[in-house]
């Protein structure tokens, strides 16, 4: 049986936590000068991955 390989793109986007997986928010990379401080502050939070997507992420990250 071959080794299980991790999808590196998914490994860079998701982190395993005790309760599931965390993901970062989009719209936080560039063109930040025109966005209000409140919106940028709220984008700092990391969000939980929705429970319907957890099985798909587990396939992409077999060792997580």
PDB file of N, CA and C in Angstrom:
ATOM      1  N   UNK A   1       0.842  -1.179   0.000  1.00  0.00           N
ATOM      2  CA  UNK A   1       0.000   0.000   0.000  1.00  0.00           C
ATOM      3  C   UNK A   1       0.890   1.247   0.000  1.00  0.00           C
ATOM      4  N   UNK A   2       0.643   2.204  -0.887  1.00  0.00           N
ATOM      5  CA  UNK A   2       1.497   3.386  -0.936  1.00  0.00           C
ATOM      6  C   UNK A   2       1.245   4.322   0.256  1.00  0.00           C
ATOM      7  N   UNK A   3       2.204   5.197   0.446  1.00  0.00           N
ATOM      8  CA  UNK A   3       2.066   6.176   1.508  1.00  0.00           C
ATOM      9  C   UNK A   3       0.930   7.146   1.181  1.00  0.00           C
ATOM     10  N   UNK A   4       0.293   7.654   2.232  1.00  0.00           N
ATOM     11  CA  UNK A   4      -0.726   8.689   2.057  1.00  0.00           C
ATOM     12  C   UNK A   4      -0.031  10.035   1.998  1.00  0.00           C
ATOM     13  N   UNK A   5      -0.341  10.798   0.972  1.00  0.00           N
ATOM     14  CA  UNK A   5       0.279  12.108   0.820  1.00  0.00           C
ATOM     15  C   UNK A   5      -0.718  13.202   1.173  1.00  0.00           C
ATOM     16  N   UNK A   6      -0.199  14.235   1.828  1.00  0.00           N
ATOM     17  CA  UNK A   6      -0.997  15.395   2.190  1.00  0.00           C
ATOM     18  C   UNK A   6      -1.062  16.341   1.004  1.00  0.00           C
ATOM     19  N   UNK A   7      -2.246  16.896   0.734  1.00  0.00           N
ATOM     20  CA  UNK A   7      -2.370  17.940  -0.275  1.00  0.00           C
ATOM     21  C   UNK A   7      -1.804  19.219   0.326  1.00  0.00           C
ATOM     22  N   UNK A   8      -0.693  19.689  -0.224  1.00  0.00           N
ATOM     23  CA  UNK A   8       0.026  20.805   0.377  1.00  0.00           C
ATOM     24  C   UNK A   8      -0.783  22.105   0.345  1.00  0.00           C
ATOM     25  N   UNK A   9      -1.603  22.280  -0.680  1.00  0.00           N
ATOM     26  CA  UNK A   9      -2.426  23.490  -0.748  1.00  0.00           C
ATOM     27  C   UNK A   9      -3.402  23.531   0.423  1.00  0.00           C
ATOM     28  N   UNK A  10      -3.974  22.390   0.768  1.00  0.00           N
ATOM     29  CA  UNK A  10      -4.911  22.330   1.889  1.00  0.00           C
ATOM     30  C   UNK A  10      -4.176  22.501   3.220  1.00  0.00           C
ATOM     31  N   UNK A  11      -2.962  21.975   3.306  1.00  0.00           N
ATOM     32  CA  UNK A  11      -2.192  22.093   4.544  1.00  0.00           C
ATOM     33  C   UNK A  11      -1.862  23.544   4.855  1.00  0.00           C
ATOM     34  N   UNK A  12      -1.723  24.373   3.802  1.00  0.00           N
ATOM     35  CA  UNK A  12      -1.418  25.780   4.014  1.00  0.00           C
ATOM     36  C   UNK A  12      -2.660  26.588   4.386  1.00  0.00           C
ATOM     37  N   UNK A  13      -3.836  26.057   4.123  1.00  0.00           N
ATOM     38  CA  UNK A  13      -5.064  26.808   4.337  1.00  0.00           C
ATOM     39  C   UNK A  13      -5.835  26.432   5.597  1.00  0.00           C
ATOM     40  N   UNK A  14      -5.668  25.197   6.073  1.00  0.00           N
ATOM     41  CA  UNK A  14      -6.461  24.706   7.195  1.00  0.00           C
ATOM     42  C   UNK A  14      -5.559  24.207   8.307  1.00  0.00           C
ATOM     43  N   UNK A  15      -6.003  24.426   9.559  1.00  0.00           N
ATOM     44  CA  UNK A  15      -5.278  23.917  10.715  1.00  0.00           C
ATOM     45  C   UNK A  15      -6.219  23.103  11.575  1.00  0.00           C
ATOM     46  N   UNK A  16      -5.735  21.992  12.069  1.00  0.00           N
ATOM     47  CA  UNK A  16      -6.529  21.112  12.922  1.00  0.00           C
ATOM     48  C   UNK A  16      -6.608  21.709  14.315  1.00  0.00           C
ATOM     49  N   UNK A  17      -7.808  21.694  14.898  1.00  0.00           N
ATOM     50  CA  UNK A  17      -8.005  22.122  16.276  1.00  0.00           C
ATOM     51  C   UNK A  17      -8.698  20.984  17.022  1.00  0.00           C
ATOM     52  N   UNK A  18      -8.968  21.209  18.287  1.00  0.00           N
ATOM     53  CA  UNK A  18      -9.644  20.175  19.074  1.00  0.00           C
ATOM     54  C   UNK A  18     -11.075  19.960  18.598  1.00  0.00           C
ATOM     55  N   UNK A  19     -11.687  21.014  18.039  1.00  0.00           N
ATOM     56  CA  UNK A  19     -13.092  20.918  17.652  1.00  0.00           C
ATOM     57  C   UNK A  19     -13.305  20.791  16.153  1.00  0.00           C
ATOM     58  N   UNK A  20     -12.259  20.644  15.370  1.00  0.00           N
ATOM     59  CA  UNK A  20     -12.420  20.551  13.924  1.00  0.00           C
ATOM     60  C   UNK A  20     -11.256  21.215  13.218  1.00  0.00           C
ATOM     61  N   UNK A  21     -11.547  22.060  12.241  1.00  0.00           N
ATOM     62  CA  UNK A  21     -10.518  22.738  11.475  1.00  0.00           C
ATOM     63  C   UNK A  21     -10.790  24.234  11.454  1.00  0.00           C
ATOM     64  N   UNK A  22      -9.695  25.027  11.455  1.00  0.00           N
ATOM     65  CA  UNK A  22      -9.797  26.468  11.348  1.00  0.00           C
ATOM     66  C   UNK A  22      -9.360  26.878   9.954  1.00  0.00           C
ATOM     67  N   UNK A  23      -9.934  27.993   9.477  1.00  0.00           N
ATOM     68  CA  UNK A  23      -9.543  28.552   8.190  1.00  0.00           C
ATOM     69  C   UNK A  23      -9.432  30.049   8.330  1.00  0.00           C
ATOM     70  N   UNK A  24      -8.633  30.655   7.477  1.00  0.00           N
ATOM     71  CA  UNK A  24      -8.487  32.097   7.470  1.00  0.00           C
ATOM     72  C   UNK A  24      -9.594  32.748   6.664  1.00  0.00           C
ATOM     73  N   UNK A  25      -9.700  34.058   6.768  1.00  0.00           N
ATOM     74  CA  UNK A  25     -10.696  34.810   6.026  1.00  0.00           C
ATOM     75  C   UNK A  25     -10.098  35.308   4.720  1.00  0.00           C
ATOM     76  N   UNK A  26     -10.938  35.496   3.729  1.00  0.00           N
ATOM     77  CA  UNK A  26     -10.498  36.075   2.462  1.00  0.00           C
ATOM     78  C   UNK A  26     -10.576  37.599   2.544  1.00  0.00           C
ATOM     79  N   UNK A  27     -10.139  38.279   1.501  1.00  0.00           N
ATOM     80  CA  UNK A  27     -10.168  39.744   1.366  1.00  0.00           C
ATOM     81  C   UNK A  27      -9.245  40.442   2.359  1.00  0.00           C
ATOM     82  N   UNK A  28      -8.150  39.819   2.725  1.00  0.00           N
ATOM     83  CA  UNK A  28      -7.251  40.397   3.716  1.00  0.00           C
ATOM     84  C   UNK A  28      -5.831  40.556   3.169  1.00  0.00           C
ATOM     85  N   UNK A  29      -5.617  40.343   1.882  1.00  0.00           N
ATOM     86  CA  UNK A  29      -4.268  40.330   1.320  1.00  0.00           C
ATOM     87  C   UNK A  29      -3.810  41.667   0.758  1.00  0.00           C
ATOM     88  N   UNK A  30      -4.657  42.360   0.042  1.00  0.00           N
ATOM     89  CA  UNK A  30      -4.235  43.609  -0.599  1.00  0.00           C
ATOM     90  C   UNK A  30      -5.448  44.524  -0.736  1.00  0.00           C
ATOM     91  N   UNK A  31      -5.207  45.746  -1.203  1.00  0.00           N
ATOM     92  CA  UNK A  31      -6.212  46.809  -1.313  1.00  0.00           C
ATOM     93  C   UNK A  31      -6.867  47.032   0.057  1.00  0.00           C
ATOM     94  N   UNK A  32      -6.033  47.201   1.064  1.00  0.00           N
ATOM     95  CA  UNK A  32      -6.539  47.372   2.421  1.00  0.00           C
ATOM     96  C   UNK A  32      -6.780  48.837   2.771  1.00  0.00           C
ATOM     97  N   UNK A  33      -6.270  49.753   1.963  1.00  0.00           N
ATOM     98  CA  UNK A  33      -6.376  51.162   2.327  1.00  0.00           C
ATOM     99  C   UNK A  33      -7.802  51.662   2.223  1.00  0.00           C
ATOM    100  N   UNK A  34      -8.586  51.106   1.323  1.00  0.00           N
ATOM    101  CA  UNK A  34      -9.956  51.591   1.166  1.00  0.00           C
ATOM    102  C   UNK A  34     -10.950  50.860   2.069  1.00  0.00           C
ATOM    103  N   UNK A  35     -10.499  49.856   2.777  1.00  0.00           N
ATOM    104  CA  UNK A  35     -11.404  49.113   3.658  1.00  0.00           C
ATOM    105  C   UNK A  35     -11.415  49.758   5.040  1.00  0.00           C
ATOM    106  N   UNK A  36     -12.581  49.856   5.654  1.00  0.00           N
ATOM    107  CA  UNK A  36     -12.643  50.456   6.993  1.00  0.00           C
ATOM    108  C   UNK A  36     -11.914  49.602   8.033  1.00  0.00           C
ATOM    109  N   UNK A  37     -11.482  50.255   9.087  1.00  0.00           N
ATOM    110  CA  UNK A  37     -10.760  49.550  10.151  1.00  0.00           C
ATOM    111  C   UNK A  37     -11.621  48.460  10.774  1.00  0.00           C
ATOM    112  N   UNK A  38     -12.910  48.710  10.901  1.00  0.00           N
ATOM    113  CA  UNK A  38     -13.802  47.718  11.493  1.00  0.00           C
ATOM    114  C   UNK A  38     -13.816  46.438  10.663  1.00  0.00           C
ATOM    115  N   UNK A  39     -13.865  46.581   9.346  1.00  0.00           N
ATOM    116  CA  UNK A  39     -13.898  45.404   8.477  1.00  0.00           C
ATOM    117  C   UNK A  39     -12.585  44.639   8.532  1.00  0.00           C
ATOM    118  N   UNK A  40     -11.459  45.349   8.536  1.00  0.00           N
ATOM    119  CA  UNK A  40     -10.157  44.691   8.619  1.00  0.00           C
ATOM    120  C   UNK A  40      -9.995  43.972   9.953  1.00  0.00           C
ATOM    121  N   UNK A  41     -10.492  44.601  11.010  1.00  0.00           N
ATOM    122  CA  UNK A  41     -10.398  43.983  12.330  1.00  0.00           C
ATOM    123  C   UNK A  41     -11.223  42.704  12.385  1.00  0.00           C
ATOM    124  N   UNK A  42     -12.416  42.726  11.783  1.00  0.00           N
ATOM    125  CA  UNK A  42     -13.257  41.535  11.793  1.00  0.00           C
ATOM    126  C   UNK A  42     -12.695  40.432  10.901  1.00  0.00           C
ATOM    127  N   UNK A  43     -11.939  40.790   9.882  1.00  0.00           N
ATOM    128  CA  UNK A  43     -11.336  39.789   9.001  1.00  0.00           C
ATOM    129  C   UNK A  43     -10.150  39.087   9.650  1.00  0.00           C
ATOM    130  N   UNK A  44      -9.637  39.619  10.755  1.00  0.00           N
ATOM    131  CA  UNK A  44      -8.508  38.995  11.432  1.00  0.00           C
ATOM    132  C   UNK A  44      -8.868  37.656  12.053  1.00  0.00           C
ATOM    133  N   UNK A  45     -10.130  37.504  12.412  1.00  0.00           N
ATOM    134  CA  UNK A  45     -10.553  36.273  13.081  1.00  0.00           C
ATOM    135  C   UNK A  45     -10.383  35.059  12.173  1.00  0.00           C
ATOM    136  N   UNK A  46     -10.072  33.937  12.775  1.00  0.00           N
ATOM    137  CA  UNK A  46     -10.084  32.679  12.039  1.00  0.00           C
ATOM    138  C   UNK A  46     -11.406  32.002  12.312  1.00  0.00           C
ATOM    139  N   UNK A  47     -11.966  31.377  11.302  1.00  0.00           N
ATOM    140  CA  UNK A  47     -13.298  30.801  11.398  1.00  0.00           C
ATOM    141  C   UNK A  47     -13.205  29.284  11.420  1.00  0.00           C
ATOM    142  N   UNK A  48     -14.220  28.658  11.994  1.00  0.00           N
ATOM    143  CA  UNK A  48     -14.336  27.207  11.941  1.00  0.00           C
ATOM    144  C   UNK A  48     -14.799  26.791  10.551  1.00  0.00           C
ATOM    145  N   UNK A  49     -14.276  25.687  10.065  1.00  0.00           N
ATOM    146  CA  UNK A  49     -14.758  25.123   8.805  1.00  0.00           C
ATOM    147  C   UNK A  49     -16.131  24.515   9.068  1.00  0.00           C
ATOM    148  N   UNK A  50     -17.037  24.707   8.134  1.00  0.00           N
ATOM    149  CA  UNK A  50     -18.395  24.201   8.296  1.00  0.00           C
ATOM    150  C   UNK A  50     -18.372  22.679   8.374  1.00  0.00           C
ATOM    151  N   UNK A  51     -19.265  22.121   9.190  1.00  0.00           N
ATOM    152  CA  UNK A  51     -19.238  20.666   9.435  1.00  0.00           C
ATOM    153  C   UNK A  51     -19.507  19.845   8.178  1.00  0.00           C
ATOM    154  N   UNK A  52     -20.151  20.424   7.176  1.00  0.00           N
ATOM    155  CA  UNK A  52     -20.375  19.675   5.928  1.00  0.00           C
ATOM    156  C   UNK A  52     -19.097  19.537   5.111  1.00  0.00           C
ATOM    157  N   UNK A  53     -18.087  20.368   5.372  1.00  0.00           N
ATOM    158  CA  UNK A  53     -16.829  20.311   4.627  1.00  0.00           C
ATOM    159  C   UNK A  53     -15.736  19.557   5.361  1.00  0.00           C
ATOM    160  N   UNK A  54     -15.971  19.144   6.581  1.00  0.00           N
ATOM    161  CA  UNK A  54     -14.918  18.523   7.387  1.00  0.00           C
ATOM    162  C   UNK A  54     -14.451  17.202   6.780  1.00  0.00           C
ATOM    163  N   UNK A  55     -15.368  16.385   6.279  1.00  0.00           N
ATOM    164  CA  UNK A  55     -14.963  15.099   5.687  1.00  0.00           C
ATOM    165  C   UNK A  55     -14.081  15.297   4.471  1.00  0.00           C
ATOM    166  N   UNK A  56     -14.373  16.313   3.669  1.00  0.00           N
ATOM    167  CA  UNK A  56     -13.560  16.596   2.493  1.00  0.00           C
ATOM    168  C   UNK A  56     -12.158  17.023   2.894  1.00  0.00           C
ATOM    169  N   UNK A  57     -12.055  17.815   3.949  1.00  0.00           N
ATOM    170  CA  UNK A  57     -10.732  18.265   4.400  1.00  0.00           C
ATOM    171  C   UNK A  57      -9.952  17.114   5.013  1.00  0.00           C
ATOM    172  N   UNK A  58     -10.639  16.212   5.682  1.00  0.00           N
ATOM    173  CA  UNK A  58      -9.943  15.038   6.232  1.00  0.00           C
ATOM    174  C   UNK A  58      -9.339  14.175   5.142  1.00  0.00           C
ATOM    175  N   UNK A  59      -9.967  14.126   3.974  1.00  0.00           N
ATOM    176  CA  UNK A  59      -9.392  13.388   2.851  1.00  0.00           C
ATOM    177  C   UNK A  59      -8.135  14.089   2.329  1.00  0.00           C
ATOM    178  N   UNK A  60      -8.155  15.421   2.338  1.00  0.00           N
ATOM    179  CA  UNK A  60      -7.020  16.168   1.838  1.00  0.00           C
ATOM    180  C   UNK A  60      -5.852  16.142   2.827  1.00  0.00           C
ATOM    181  N   UNK A  61      -6.163  16.037   4.117  1.00  0.00           N
ATOM    182  CA  UNK A  61      -5.148  16.039   5.173  1.00  0.00           C
ATOM    183  C   UNK A  61      -5.257  14.724   5.948  1.00  0.00           C
ATOM    184  N   UNK A  62      -4.751  13.622   5.418  1.00  0.00           N
ATOM    185  CA  UNK A  62      -4.956  12.327   6.061  1.00  0.00           C
ATOM    186  C   UNK A  62      -4.262  12.188   7.418  1.00  0.00           C
ATOM    187  N   UNK A  63      -3.220  12.976   7.674  1.00  0.00           N
ATOM    188  CA  UNK A  63      -2.495  12.841   8.937  1.00  0.00           C
ATOM    189  C   UNK A  63      -2.952  13.828   9.999  1.00  0.00           C
ATOM    190  N   UNK A  64      -3.926  14.660   9.688  1.00  0.00           N
ATOM    191  CA  UNK A  64      -4.398  15.666  10.653  1.00  0.00           C
ATOM    192  C   UNK A  64      -5.360  15.045  11.645  1.00  0.00           C
TER     193      UNK A  64
END
